[in-house]
C-alpha atoms as a PDB file:
ATOM      1  CA  MET A   1     -38.382 110.202  41.228  1.00  0.00           C
ATOM      2  CA  SER A   2     -38.252 106.513  42.141  1.00  0.00           C
ATOM      3  CA  HIS A   3     -37.364 103.556  39.620  1.00  0.00           C
ATOM      4  CA  ILE A   4     -39.173 100.313  39.622  1.00  0.00           C
ATOM      5  CA  THR A   5     -37.468  97.071  38.187  1.00  0.00           C
ATOM      6  CA  LEU A   6     -39.702  94.403  36.672  1.00  0.00           C
ATOM      7  CA  PHE A   7     -38.741  90.648  36.668  1.00  0.00           C
ATOM      8  CA  ALA A   8     -40.158  88.138  34.111  1.00  0.00           C
ATOM      9  CA  CYS A   9     -39.993  84.425  34.933  1.00  0.00           C
ATOM     10  CA  PHE A  10     -39.831  81.785  32.140  1.00  0.00           C
ATOM     11  CA  SER A  11     -40.329  77.948  32.475  1.00  0.00           C
ATOM     12  CA  ASP A  12     -38.297  75.739  30.247  1.00  0.00           C
ATOM     13  CA  VAL A  13     -40.277  73.515  27.859  1.00  0.00           C
ATOM     14  CA  ASP A  14     -39.319  69.868  27.703  1.00  0.00           C
ATOM     15  CA  GLU A  15     -39.467  69.112  24.151  1.00  0.00           C
ATOM     16  CA  CYS A  16     -38.589  65.558  24.607  1.00  0.00           C
ATOM     17  CA  ALA A  17     -41.792  64.931  26.503  1.00  0.00           C
ATOM     18  CA  THR A  18     -43.830  65.218  23.426  1.00  0.00           C
ATOM     19  CA  ASP A  19     -43.331  62.485  20.695  1.00  0.00           C
ATOM     20  CA  ASN A  20     -39.680  62.058  21.939  1.00  0.00           C
ATOM     21  CA  GLY A  21     -38.920  65.452  20.444  1.00  0.00           C
ATOM     22  CA  GLY A  22     -39.301  64.110  17.075  1.00  0.00           C
ATOM     23  CA  CYS A  23     -36.170  62.061  17.531  1.00  0.00           C
ATOM     24  CA  ASP A  24     -35.717  58.472  16.053  1.00  0.00           C
ATOM     25  CA  GLN A  25     -33.832  57.377  19.136  1.00  0.00           C
ATOM     26  CA  THR A  26     -32.689  59.434  21.970  1.00  0.00           C
ATOM     27  CA  CYS A  27     -33.919  62.855  22.873  1.00  0.00           C
ATOM     28  CA  ASP A  28     -31.742  65.082  25.293  1.00  0.00           C
ATOM     29  CA  ASN A  29     -33.696  68.074  26.660  1.00  0.00           C
ATOM     30  CA  SER A  30     -31.624  71.175  27.719  1.00  0.00           C
ATOM     31  CA  VAL A  31     -32.687  74.620  29.040  1.00  0.00           C
ATOM     32  CA  GLY A  32     -34.416  76.230  26.243  1.00  0.00           C
ATOM     33  CA  SER A  33     -33.579  73.566  23.653  1.00  0.00           C
ATOM     34  CA  TYR A  34     -33.029  69.778  23.003  1.00  0.00           C
ATOM     35  CA  SER A  35     -30.846  67.451  20.948  1.00  0.00           C
ATOM     36  CA  CYS A  36     -31.383  64.129  19.183  1.00  0.00           C
ATOM     37  CA  TYR A  37     -28.863  61.386  19.430  1.00  0.00           C
ATOM     38  CA  CYS A  38     -28.382  57.816  17.967  1.00  0.00           C
ATOM     39  CA  GLY A  39     -27.105  54.843  19.433  1.00  0.00           C
ATOM     40  CA  VAL A  40     -24.104  52.664  18.371  1.00  0.00           C
ATOM     41  CA  GLY A  41     -24.392  51.398  14.757  1.00  0.00           C
ATOM     42  CA  TYR A  42     -26.530  54.542  13.688  1.00  0.00           C
ATOM     43  CA  LEU A  43     -25.586  57.901  12.250  1.00  0.00           C
ATOM     44  CA  LEU A  44     -27.781  61.204  12.806  1.00  0.00           C
ATOM     45  CA  ASN A  45     -29.554  62.175   9.694  1.00  0.00           C
ATOM     46  CA  THR A  46     -28.971  65.686   8.360  1.00  0.00           C
ATOM     47  CA  ASP A  47     -32.379  66.568   9.564  1.00  0.00           C
ATOM     48  CA  GLY A  48     -31.137  66.346  13.064  1.00  0.00           C
ATOM     49  CA  ALA A  49     -33.722  63.838  14.143  1.00  0.00           C
ATOM     50  CA  GLY A  50     -33.578  60.639  12.035  1.00  0.00           C
ATOM     51  CA  CYS A  51     -31.129  57.796  12.628  1.00  0.00           C
ATOM     52  CA  ASP A  52     -29.579  55.958   9.686  1.00  0.00           C
ATOM     53  CA  ASP A  53     -28.061  52.515   9.936  1.00  0.00           C
ATOM     54  CA  ILE A  54     -24.202  52.473   9.485  1.00  0.00           C
ATOM     55  CA  ASP A  55     -23.199  49.674   7.098  1.00  0.00           C
ATOM     56  CA  GLU A  56     -19.968  48.601   8.948  1.00  0.00           C
ATOM     57  CA  CYS A  57     -19.218  46.098   6.317  1.00  0.00           C
ATOM     58  CA  SER A  58     -18.633  48.885   3.674  1.00  0.00           C
ATOM     59  CA  ALA A  59     -15.456  49.858   5.308  1.00  0.00           C
ATOM     60  CA  THR A  60     -12.498  47.390   5.562  1.00  0.00           C
ATOM     61  CA  ASN A  61     -15.050  44.606   5.702  1.00  0.00           C
ATOM     62  CA  GLY A  62     -15.943  45.568   9.174  1.00  0.00           C
ATOM     63  CA  GLY A  63     -12.636  44.105  10.240  1.00  0.00           C
ATOM     64  CA  CYS A  64     -13.811  40.597   9.473  1.00  0.00           C
ATOM     65  CA  ASP A  65     -11.379  37.922   8.324  1.00  0.00           C
ATOM     66  CA  HIS A  66     -13.933  36.385   5.943  1.00  0.00           C
ATOM     67  CA  SER A  67     -17.543  37.383   5.655  1.00  0.00           C
ATOM     68  CA  CYS A  68     -19.183  40.469   7.058  1.00  0.00           C
ATOM     69  CA  THR A  69     -23.015  40.633   7.413  1.00  0.00           C
ATOM     70  CA  ASN A  70     -24.679  44.049   7.956  1.00  0.00           C
ATOM     71  CA  THR A  71     -27.717  44.225  10.216  1.00  0.00           C
ATOM     72  CA  ILE A  72     -29.890  47.077  11.444  1.00  0.00           C
ATOM     73  CA  GLY A  73     -27.647  48.922  13.971  1.00  0.00           C
ATOM     74  CA  SER A  74     -25.006  46.252  13.921  1.00  0.00           C
ATOM     75  CA  PHE A  75     -23.039  43.697  11.972  1.00  0.00           C
ATOM     76  CA  SER A  76     -21.432  40.153  12.385  1.00  0.00           C
ATOM     77  CA  CYS A  77     -18.586  38.302  11.038  1.00  0.00           C
ATOM     78  CA  SER A  78     -18.805  34.653   9.801  1.00  0.00           C
ATOM     79  CA  CYS A  79     -16.318  32.033   8.498  1.00  0.00           C
ATOM     80  CA  PRO A  80     -16.580  29.409   5.636  1.00  0.00           C
ATOM     81  CA  ASP A  81     -16.402  25.780   6.211  1.00  0.00           C
ATOM     82  CA  GLY A  82     -13.216  24.515   7.763  1.00  0.00           C
ATOM     83  CA  PHE A  83     -12.945  27.658  10.104  1.00  0.00           C
ATOM     84  CA  ASN A  84     -14.162  28.665  13.469  1.00  0.00           C
ATOM     85  CA  LEU A  85     -14.885  32.288  14.507  1.00  0.00           C
ATOM     86  CA  ASN A  86     -12.383  33.452  17.058  1.00  0.00           C
ATOM     87  CA  VAL A  87     -13.616  34.704  20.398  1.00  0.00           C
ATOM     88  CA  ASP A  88     -12.762  38.231  19.301  1.00  0.00           C
ATOM     89  CA  GLY A  89     -15.686  37.910  16.726  1.00  0.00           C
ATOM     90  CA  PHE A  90     -13.423  38.864  13.859  1.00  0.00           C
ATOM     91  CA  VAL A  91     -10.640  36.287  13.253  1.00  0.00           C
ATOM     92  CA  CYS A  92     -11.334  32.948  11.602  1.00  0.00           C
ATOM     93  CA  ASP A  93      -9.156  30.041  13.028  1.00  0.00           C
ATOM     94  CA  ASP A  94      -8.523  26.915  10.953  1.00  0.00           C
ATOM     95  CA  VAL A  95     -10.374  23.740  12.170  1.00  0.00           C
ATOM     96  CA  ASP A  96      -8.068  20.773  12.586  1.00  0.00           C
ATOM     97  CA  GLU A  97     -10.543  18.167  11.487  1.00  0.00           C
ATOM     98  CA  CYS A  98      -7.913  15.441  11.977  1.00  0.00           C
ATOM     99  CA  ALA A  99      -7.810  16.133  15.743  1.00  0.00           C
ATOM    100  CA  ASP A 100     -11.448  14.716  16.081  1.00  0.00           C
ATOM    101  CA  LEU A 101     -11.677  11.026  15.285  1.00  0.00           C
ATOM    102  CA  ASN A 102      -8.958  11.291  12.792  1.00  0.00           C
ATOM    103  CA  GLY A 103     -11.319  13.249  10.426  1.00  0.00           C
ATOM    104  CA  GLY A 104     -13.218  10.073   9.796  1.00  0.00           C
ATOM    105  CA  CYS A 105     -10.339   8.791   7.990  1.00  0.00           C
ATOM    106  CA  GLN A 106      -9.644   5.050   8.279  1.00  0.00           C
ATOM    107  CA  GLN A 107      -5.770   5.543   7.961  1.00  0.00           C
ATOM    108  CA  ILE A 108      -4.041   8.888   7.330  1.00  0.00           C
ATOM    109  CA  CYS A 109      -5.674  12.308   7.917  1.00  0.00           C
ATOM    110  CA  THR A 110      -3.858  15.427   6.493  1.00  0.00           C
ATOM    111  CA  ASN A 111      -5.124  18.758   7.714  1.00  0.00           C
ATOM    112  CA  PHE A 112      -4.857  21.797   5.520  1.00  0.00           C
ATOM    113  CA  ILE A 113      -5.892  25.505   6.033  1.00  0.00           C
ATOM    114  CA  GLY A 114      -9.556  25.312   5.826  1.00  0.00           C
ATOM    115  CA  ASN A 115      -9.817  21.618   4.773  1.00  0.00           C
ATOM    116  CA  PHE A 116      -8.411  18.110   5.176  1.00  0.00           C
ATOM    117  CA  SER A 117      -7.910  15.098   3.166  1.00  0.00           C
ATOM    118  CA  CYS A 118      -7.753  11.284   3.825  1.00  0.00           C
ATOM    119  CA  SER A 119      -5.009   9.008   2.297  1.00  0.00           C
ATOM    120  CA  CYS A 120      -4.023   5.466   2.615  1.00  0.00           C
ATOM    121  CA  ARG A 121      -0.686   3.617   3.481  1.00  0.00           C
ATOM    122  CA  ILE A 122       1.156   1.838   0.654  1.00  0.00           C
ATOM    123  CA  GLY A 123      -0.639  -1.308  -0.324  1.00  0.00           C
ATOM    124  CA  TYR A 124      -4.027   0.259  -0.055  1.00  0.00           C
ATOM    125  CA  VAL A 125      -6.222   2.532  -2.234  1.00  0.00           C
ATOM    126  CA  LEU A 126      -8.670   5.164  -1.066  1.00  0.00           C
ATOM    127  CA  ASP A 127     -12.346   3.964  -1.264  1.00  0.00           C
ATOM    128  CA  ARG A 128     -14.879   6.047  -3.168  1.00  0.00           C
ATOM    129  CA  ASP A 129     -16.213   7.448  -0.025  1.00  0.00           C
ATOM    130  CA  ASN A 130     -12.754   9.279   0.244  1.00  0.00           C
ATOM    131  CA  ALA A 131     -12.430   7.979   3.883  1.00  0.00           C
ATOM    132  CA  GLY A 132     -12.083   4.250   3.867  1.00  0.00           C
ATOM    133  CA  CYS A 133      -9.080   2.163   2.456  1.00  0.00           C
ATOM    134  CA  ASN A 134      -9.149  -0.852   0.469  1.00  0.00           C
ATOM    135  CA  ASP A 135      -6.330  -3.526   0.146  1.00  0.00           C
ATOM    136  CA  VAL A 136      -4.651  -3.605  -3.298  1.00  0.00           C
ATOM    137  CA  ASN A 137      -4.224  -6.977  -4.876  1.00  0.00           C
ATOM    138  CA  GLU A 138      -0.747  -6.459  -6.271  1.00  0.00           C
ATOM    139  CA  CYS A 139      -0.823  -9.988  -7.609  1.00  0.00           C
ATOM    140  CA  TRP A 140      -3.716  -9.285  -9.890  1.00  0.00           C
ATOM    141  CA  ARG A 141      -1.501  -7.511 -12.416  1.00  0.00           C
ATOM    142  CA  GLN A 142       1.500  -9.464 -13.780  1.00  0.00           C
ATOM    143  CA  LYS A 143       1.680 -11.539 -10.618  1.00  0.00           C
ATOM    144  CA  GLY A 144       3.091  -8.492  -8.841  1.00  0.00           C
ATOM    145  CA  GLY A 145       6.394  -8.810 -10.673  1.00  0.00           C
ATOM    146  CA  CYS A 146       6.913 -12.301  -9.135  1.00  0.00           C
ATOM    147  CA  GLU A 147       8.647 -14.789 -11.408  1.00  0.00           C
ATOM    148  CA  GLN A 148       6.654 -17.810 -10.384  1.00  0.00           C
ATOM    149  CA  ILE A 149       4.114 -17.379  -7.393  1.00  0.00           C
ATOM    150  CA  CYS A 150       2.509 -14.292  -5.911  1.00  0.00           C
ATOM    151  CA  HIS A 151       0.906 -14.252  -2.480  1.00  0.00           C
ATOM    152  CA  ASN A 152      -1.386 -11.237  -1.818  1.00  0.00           C
ATOM    153  CA  SER A 153      -1.857 -10.076   1.838  1.00  0.00           C
ATOM    154  CA  ARG A 154      -3.504  -7.110   3.677  1.00  0.00           C
ATOM    155  CA  GLY A 155      -1.630  -4.071   2.496  1.00  0.00           C
ATOM    156  CA  SER A 156       1.206  -6.109   0.906  1.00  0.00           C
ATOM    157  CA  PHE A 157       2.261  -9.103  -1.019  1.00  0.00           C
ATOM    158  CA  SER A 158       5.148 -11.573  -1.168  1.00  0.00           C
ATOM    159  CA  CYS A 159       6.666 -13.849  -3.910  1.00  0.00           C
ATOM    160  CA  ALA A 160       7.479 -17.564  -3.657  1.00  0.00           C
ATOM    161  CA  CYS A 161       8.849 -20.209  -5.896  1.00  0.00           C
ATOM    162  CA  ILE A 162       7.776 -23.701  -6.763  1.00  0.00           C
ATOM    163  CA  ALA A 163       9.573 -26.718  -5.314  1.00  0.00           C
ATOM    164  CA  GLY A 164      13.071 -26.956  -6.623  1.00  0.00           C
ATOM    165  CA  TYR A 165      13.668 -23.252  -6.805  1.00  0.00           C
ATOM    166  CA  LEU A 166      14.950 -20.718  -4.276  1.00  0.00           C
ATOM    167  CA  LEU A 167      13.689 -17.148  -4.046  1.00  0.00           C
ATOM    168  CA  GLY A 168      16.404 -14.617  -5.078  1.00  0.00           C
ATOM    169  CA  SER A 169      17.723 -11.752  -2.963  1.00  0.00           C
ATOM    170  CA  ASP A 170      15.632  -9.375  -5.045  1.00  0.00           C
ATOM    171  CA  GLY A 171      12.482 -10.974  -3.555  1.00  0.00           C
ATOM    172  CA  PHE A 172      11.009 -11.557  -7.045  1.00  0.00           C
ATOM    173  CA  SER A 173      13.257 -13.943  -9.049  1.00  0.00           C
ATOM    174  CA  CYS A 174      13.523 -17.732  -8.530  1.00  0.00           C
ATOM    175  CA  THR A 175      16.854 -19.613  -8.943  1.00  0.00           C
ATOM    176  CA  ASP A 176      17.127 -23.404  -9.546  1.00  0.00           C
ATOM    177  CA  ILE A 177      18.366 -25.362  -6.525  1.00  0.00           C
ATOM    178  CA  ASP A 178      21.233 -27.718  -7.389  1.00  0.00           C
ATOM    179  CA  GLU A 179      20.173 -30.655  -5.251  1.00  0.00           C
ATOM    180  CA  CYS A 180      23.229 -32.567  -6.361  1.00  0.00           C
ATOM    181  CA  SER A 181      25.612 -30.116  -4.722  1.00  0.00           C
ATOM    182  CA  SER A 182      24.661 -31.270  -1.241  1.00  0.00           C
ATOM    183  CA  GLU A 183      25.456 -34.850  -0.400  1.00  0.00           C
ATOM    184  CA  ASN A 184      25.197 -35.829  -4.131  1.00  0.00           C
ATOM    185  CA  GLY A 185      21.439 -35.218  -3.691  1.00  0.00           C
ATOM    186  CA  GLY A 186      21.170 -38.500  -1.718  1.00  0.00           C
ATOM    187  CA  CYS A 187      22.130 -40.534  -4.875  1.00  0.00           C
ATOM    188  CA  GLU A 188      24.390 -43.497  -4.353  1.00  0.00           C
ATOM    189  CA  HIS A 189      25.984 -43.168  -7.712  1.00  0.00           C
ATOM    190  CA  VAL A 190      25.227 -40.336 -10.187  1.00  0.00           C
ATOM    191  CA  CYS A 191      23.177 -37.269  -9.442  1.00  0.00           C
ATOM    192  CA  VAL A 192      21.732 -35.341 -12.394  1.00  0.00           C
ATOM    193  CA  ASN A 193      20.425 -31.855 -11.807  1.00  0.00           C
ATOM    194  CA  THR A 194      17.596 -30.473 -13.943  1.00  0.00           C
ATOM    195  CA  ALA A 195      15.644 -27.168 -13.786  1.00  0.00           C
ATOM    196  CA  GLY A 196      13.510 -27.326 -10.721  1.00  0.00           C
ATOM    197  CA  SER A 197      14.341 -31.101  -9.947  1.00  0.00           C
ATOM    198  CA  TYR A 198      17.027 -33.749 -10.103  1.00  0.00           C
ATOM    199  CA  HIS A 199      17.128 -37.511 -10.604  1.00  0.00           C
ATOM    200  CA  CYS A 200      19.646 -40.259  -9.647  1.00  0.00           C
ATOM    201  CA  THR A 201      21.216 -42.740 -12.230  1.00  0.00           C
ATOM    202  CA  CYS A 202      23.598 -45.682 -11.761  1.00  0.00           C
ATOM    203  CA  SER A 203      26.882 -46.635 -13.267  1.00  0.00           C
ATOM    204  CA  ASP A 204      26.911 -49.366 -15.962  1.00  0.00           C
ATOM    205  CA  GLY A 205      26.235 -52.863 -14.432  1.00  0.00           C
ATOM    206  CA  TYR A 206      23.820 -51.302 -11.873  1.00  0.00           C
ATOM    207  CA  ALA A 207      20.115 -50.661 -11.793  1.00  0.00           C
ATOM    208  CA  LEU A 208      18.184 -48.012  -9.740  1.00  0.00           C
ATOM    209  CA  THR A 209      16.156 -49.453  -6.839  1.00  0.00           C
ATOM    210  CA  PRO A 210      12.463 -48.485  -6.235  1.00  0.00           C
ATOM    211  CA  ASP A 211      13.532 -45.664  -3.763  1.00  0.00           C
ATOM    212  CA  ARG A 212      15.035 -44.022  -7.088  1.00  0.00           C
ATOM    213  CA  ARG A 213      18.370 -43.247  -4.985  1.00  0.00           C
ATOM    214  CA  ASN A 214      20.184 -46.470  -4.494  1.00  0.00           C
ATOM    215  CA  CYS A 215      21.677 -48.778  -7.035  1.00  0.00           C
ATOM    216  CA  THR A 216      21.850 -52.548  -7.143  1.00  0.00           C
ATOM    217  CA  ASP A 217      24.001 -54.919  -9.010  1.00  0.00           C
ATOM    218  CA  VAL A 218      22.625 -56.104 -12.338  1.00  0.00           C
ATOM    219  CA  ASP A 219      22.898 -60.041 -12.726  1.00  0.00           C
ATOM    220  CA  GLU A 220      23.493 -59.875 -16.441  1.00  0.00           C
ATOM    221  CA  CYS A 221      23.811 -63.726 -16.411  1.00  0.00           C
ATOM    222  CA  ILE A 222      20.183 -64.137 -15.296  1.00  0.00           C
ATOM    223  CA  GLU A 223      18.760 -61.256 -17.174  1.00  0.00           C
ATOM    224  CA  SER A 224      20.069 -62.486 -20.564  1.00  0.00           C
ATOM    225  CA  TYR A 225      20.705 -66.275 -20.495  1.00  0.00           C
ATOM    226  CA  SER A 226      22.358 -66.237 -23.853  1.00  0.00           C
ATOM    227  CA  ILE A 227      24.641 -63.205 -23.230  1.00  0.00           C
ATOM    228  CA  CYS A 228      27.854 -65.198 -23.403  1.00  0.00           C
ATOM    229  CA  GLY A 229      26.621 -67.428 -26.391  1.00  0.00           C
ATOM    230  CA  PHE A 230      27.015 -71.118 -26.883  1.00  0.00           C
ATOM    231  CA  HIS A 231      29.818 -73.145 -25.223  1.00  0.00           C
ATOM    232  CA  ALA A 232      30.444 -70.701 -22.522  1.00  0.00           C
ATOM    233  CA  VAL A 233      29.706 -69.945 -18.781  1.00  0.00           C
ATOM    234  CA  CYS A 234      28.647 -66.537 -17.521  1.00  0.00           C
ATOM    235  CA  ASN A 235      30.142 -65.437 -14.162  1.00  0.00           C
ATOM    236  CA  ASN A 236      28.440 -62.288 -12.627  1.00  0.00           C
ATOM    237  CA  SER A 237      30.529 -59.967 -10.508  1.00  0.00           C
ATOM    238  CA  VAL A 238      29.405 -56.764  -8.654  1.00  0.00           C
ATOM    239  CA  GLY A 239      28.863 -54.211 -11.454  1.00  0.00           C
ATOM    240  CA  TYR A 240      30.156 -56.379 -14.349  1.00  0.00           C
ATOM    241  CA  PHE A 241      30.238 -60.066 -15.673  1.00  0.00           C
ATOM    242  CA  GLU A 242      32.713 -62.363 -17.517  1.00  0.00           C
ATOM    243  CA  CYS A 243      32.212 -65.082 -20.045  1.00  0.00           C
ATOM    244  CA  THR A 244      34.472 -68.190 -19.739  1.00  0.00           C
ATOM    245  CA  CYS A 245      34.498 -70.747 -22.672  1.00  0.00           C
ATOM    246  CA  ASN A 246      33.944 -74.392 -22.052  1.00  0.00           C
ATOM    247  CA  GLN A 247      36.997 -76.806 -22.120  1.00  0.00           C
ATOM    248  CA  GLY A 248      38.032 -77.336 -25.776  1.00  0.00           C
ATOM    249  CA  PHE A 249      36.693 -73.936 -26.848  1.00  0.00           C
ATOM    250  CA  LEU A 250      38.531 -70.472 -27.292  1.00  0.00           C
ATOM    251  CA  MET A 251      37.002 -67.043 -26.838  1.00  0.00           C
ATOM    252  CA  MET A 252      37.121 -65.324 -30.154  1.00  0.00           C
ATOM    253  CA  SER A 253      35.352 -62.617 -31.853  1.00  0.00           C
ATOM    254  CA  GLY A 254      31.734 -63.659 -31.950  1.00  0.00           C
ATOM    255  CA  GLY A 255      31.895 -66.072 -29.004  1.00  0.00           C
ATOM    256  CA  CYS A 256      33.435 -69.351 -28.050  1.00  0.00           C
ATOM    257  CA  GLN A 257      34.846 -71.564 -31.082  1.00  0.00           C
ATOM    258  CA  GLY A 258      36.246 -75.156 -31.066  1.00  0.00           C
ATOM    259  CA  LYS A 259      40.069 -75.399 -31.075  1.00  0.00           C
ATOM    260  CA  ASN A 260      40.043 -77.392 -34.316  1.00  0.00           C
ATOM    261  CA  ILE A 261      39.028 -74.356 -36.334  1.00  0.00           C
ATOM    262  CA  ILE A 262      41.393 -72.750 -38.697  1.00  0.00           C
ATOM    263  CA  CYS A 263      43.028 -69.869 -37.005  1.00  0.00           C
ATOM    264  CA  PRO A 264      43.180 -66.554 -38.871  1.00  0.00           C
ATOM    265  CA  ALA A 265      46.646 -65.825 -40.511  1.00  0.00           C
ATOM    266  CA  GLY A 266      48.968 -64.374 -37.860  1.00  0.00           C
ATOM    267  CA  SER A 267      47.244 -65.961 -34.885  1.00  0.00           C
ATOM    268  CA  ILE A 268      48.588 -68.675 -32.655  1.00  0.00           C
ATOM    269  CA  ASP A 269      46.562 -71.845 -31.717  1.00  0.00           C
ATOM    270  CA  SER A 270      46.902 -72.263 -27.954  1.00  0.00           C
END
């Protein structure tokens, strides 16, 4: 008795060929079966066919330093003002605004993490635009502390004194200059110092000349003809004068009197 062996041939069906096998994204055919797969950023649904977006931002902020924005199948990191996104796509690097045109500041630019600020040197105040600098007029309030004169300048000020005064070592106070201490102030006779000034005077018998410094003799005999009284001669000398009685007269209290007068008791008729 003979045996006959029968062989059946089967052909694989490619399920992926029809409607992608029902897969949302990738259909992978295999002998007698197939499988669905999802790309990066997606997770295979429990139905084995659908692909659900993965929210990368829900876990550790997607690895972003600051903001994480989820998108379909992906995500992206972003940074706030004052930061730039690093080439790694995750880290936020501080922007040094001062490195570019001094941050727009007129004078001083100070960088901070994520920000910057403008400021001004001493003697200036920051403008309302928070960038420019305006000069402070220190003389406007209480003369800048100066005792007499205050001169404002760009970014500073200085004190000065009126004629006859010297600015003190503190740069603010004023001290009277004693003009008489140097060469008698130019006066020929007497120098009188006053606050902020001085003047010259002369000794008795002298008068101040028009230059207000030198002294000239006063001829008392001419200025006052009757200075010696009657019966007398006036003799002028430099700085003083003398009276001489005429012959027959004696100098007594009140002027020259005749010799025939009665002498006071105790006096001698010469």
